[in-house]
N, C-alpha and C. Protein backbone atom coordinates (compact mmCIF):
# COMPACT_ATOMS: atom_id res chain seq x y z
N UNK A 1 0.59 -9.92 -11.72
CA UNK A 1 1.18 -9.73 -10.45
C UNK A 1 2.63 -9.45 -10.47
N UNK A 2 3.31 -10.18 -11.20
CA UNK A 2 4.77 -10.00 -11.41
C UNK A 2 4.92 -8.76 -12.17
N UNK A 3 4.13 -8.32 -13.06
CA UNK A 3 4.29 -7.11 -13.81
C UNK A 3 4.16 -5.81 -12.95
N UNK A 4 3.11 -5.99 -12.03
CA UNK A 4 3.01 -4.91 -10.92
C UNK A 4 4.13 -4.82 -10.07
N UNK A 5 4.68 -5.91 -9.58
CA UNK A 5 5.90 -5.77 -8.75
C UNK A 5 7.02 -5.25 -9.52
N UNK A 6 7.34 -5.58 -10.69
CA UNK A 6 8.34 -5.08 -11.67
C UNK A 6 8.16 -3.59 -11.74
N UNK A 7 6.94 -3.04 -12.01
CA UNK A 7 6.64 -1.61 -12.08
C UNK A 7 7.12 -0.87 -10.78
N UNK A 8 6.78 -1.47 -9.65
CA UNK A 8 7.14 -0.87 -8.30
C UNK A 8 8.65 -0.68 -8.28
N UNK A 9 9.31 -1.80 -8.65
CA UNK A 9 10.81 -1.70 -8.54
C UNK A 9 11.32 -0.81 -9.50
N UNK A 10 10.83 -0.60 -10.65
CA UNK A 10 11.37 0.37 -11.56
C UNK A 10 11.08 1.77 -11.08
N UNK A 11 9.95 1.99 -10.48
CA UNK A 11 9.74 3.29 -9.95
C UNK A 11 10.67 3.81 -8.95
N UNK A 12 11.07 2.78 -8.02
CA UNK A 12 11.90 2.98 -6.85
C UNK A 12 13.37 3.30 -7.36
N UNK A 13 13.63 3.08 -8.54
CA UNK A 13 14.95 3.35 -9.27
C UNK A 13 15.04 4.73 -9.94
N UNK A 14 13.91 5.43 -9.94
CA UNK A 14 13.99 6.70 -10.70
C UNK A 14 14.55 7.88 -9.97
N UNK A 15 14.88 8.87 -10.58
CA UNK A 15 15.56 10.07 -9.92
C UNK A 15 14.63 10.68 -8.97
N UNK A 16 13.28 10.70 -9.17
CA UNK A 16 12.39 11.36 -8.31
C UNK A 16 12.31 10.56 -6.91
N UNK A 17 12.56 9.25 -6.99
CA UNK A 17 12.51 8.49 -5.70
C UNK A 17 13.48 8.86 -4.63
N UNK A 18 14.47 9.64 -4.97
CA UNK A 18 15.44 10.02 -3.91
C UNK A 18 14.83 11.30 -3.14
N UNK A 19 13.70 11.84 -3.55
CA UNK A 19 13.08 12.94 -2.87
C UNK A 19 11.86 12.53 -2.12
N UNK A 20 11.55 11.12 -2.15
CA UNK A 20 10.42 10.68 -1.37
C UNK A 20 10.84 10.50 0.07
N UNK A 21 10.06 11.02 0.98
CA UNK A 21 10.32 11.04 2.43
C UNK A 21 10.36 9.61 3.02
N UNK A 22 9.28 8.92 2.66
CA UNK A 22 9.09 7.52 3.23
C UNK A 22 8.61 6.65 2.09
N UNK A 23 9.34 5.60 1.93
CA UNK A 23 8.95 4.53 0.98
C UNK A 23 8.51 3.31 1.67
N UNK A 24 7.17 3.18 1.73
CA UNK A 24 6.52 2.20 2.49
C UNK A 24 6.59 0.85 1.65
N UNK A 25 7.23 -0.13 2.21
CA UNK A 25 7.16 -1.41 1.54
C UNK A 25 5.91 -1.97 1.16
N UNK A 26 5.91 -2.63 -0.06
CA UNK A 26 4.62 -3.20 -0.56
C UNK A 26 4.68 -4.72 -0.58
N UNK A 27 3.90 -5.46 0.01
CA UNK A 27 3.86 -6.86 -0.20
C UNK A 27 2.82 -7.20 -1.00
N UNK A 28 3.08 -7.85 -2.21
CA UNK A 28 2.07 -8.19 -3.14
C UNK A 28 1.85 -9.66 -3.11
N UNK A 29 0.58 -10.08 -3.06
CA UNK A 29 0.28 -11.51 -2.95
C UNK A 29 -1.06 -11.85 -3.47
N UNK A 30 -1.39 -13.11 -3.40
CA UNK A 30 -2.64 -13.57 -3.82
C UNK A 30 -3.24 -14.39 -2.80
N UNK A 31 -4.52 -14.09 -2.48
CA UNK A 31 -5.28 -14.78 -1.43
C UNK A 31 -5.57 -16.18 -1.80
N UNK A 32 -5.25 -17.19 -0.98
CA UNK A 32 -5.67 -18.56 -1.19
C UNK A 32 -6.27 -19.13 0.02
N UNK A 33 -7.27 -20.02 0.06
CA UNK A 33 -7.70 -20.63 1.04
C UNK A 33 -6.75 -21.80 1.49
N UNK A 34 -7.01 -22.31 2.82
CA UNK A 34 -5.94 -23.31 3.30
C UNK A 34 -5.95 -24.57 2.35
N UNK A 35 -7.06 -25.04 1.97
CA UNK A 35 -7.15 -26.25 1.06
C UNK A 35 -6.35 -25.95 -0.25
N UNK A 36 -6.45 -24.71 -0.78
CA UNK A 36 -5.66 -24.41 -2.05
C UNK A 36 -4.24 -24.34 -1.84
N UNK A 37 -3.83 -23.81 -0.64
CA UNK A 37 -2.34 -23.78 -0.27
C UNK A 37 -1.83 -25.20 -0.20
N UNK A 38 -2.55 -26.09 0.53
CA UNK A 38 -2.04 -27.50 0.61
C UNK A 38 -2.00 -28.09 -0.72
N UNK A 39 -2.94 -27.98 -1.65
CA UNK A 39 -2.96 -28.55 -2.94
C UNK A 39 -1.87 -28.08 -3.77
N UNK A 40 -1.50 -26.70 -3.65
CA UNK A 40 -0.26 -26.25 -4.33
C UNK A 40 1.01 -26.65 -3.99
N UNK A 41 1.10 -27.28 -2.73
CA UNK A 41 2.46 -27.76 -2.35
C UNK A 41 2.77 -29.11 -2.94
N UNK A 42 1.76 -29.73 -3.56
CA UNK A 42 1.99 -30.96 -4.40
C UNK A 42 1.48 -32.08 -3.54
């Protein structure tokens, strides 16, 4: 997941990116159920 986000950030810094008409933001995440979210909070 972090590697994918890093790739997107690198592509946005290339010379070609200044010719892109619209750069749609990407939100990268992992789906978790409510119980899993509560457990991950500690």
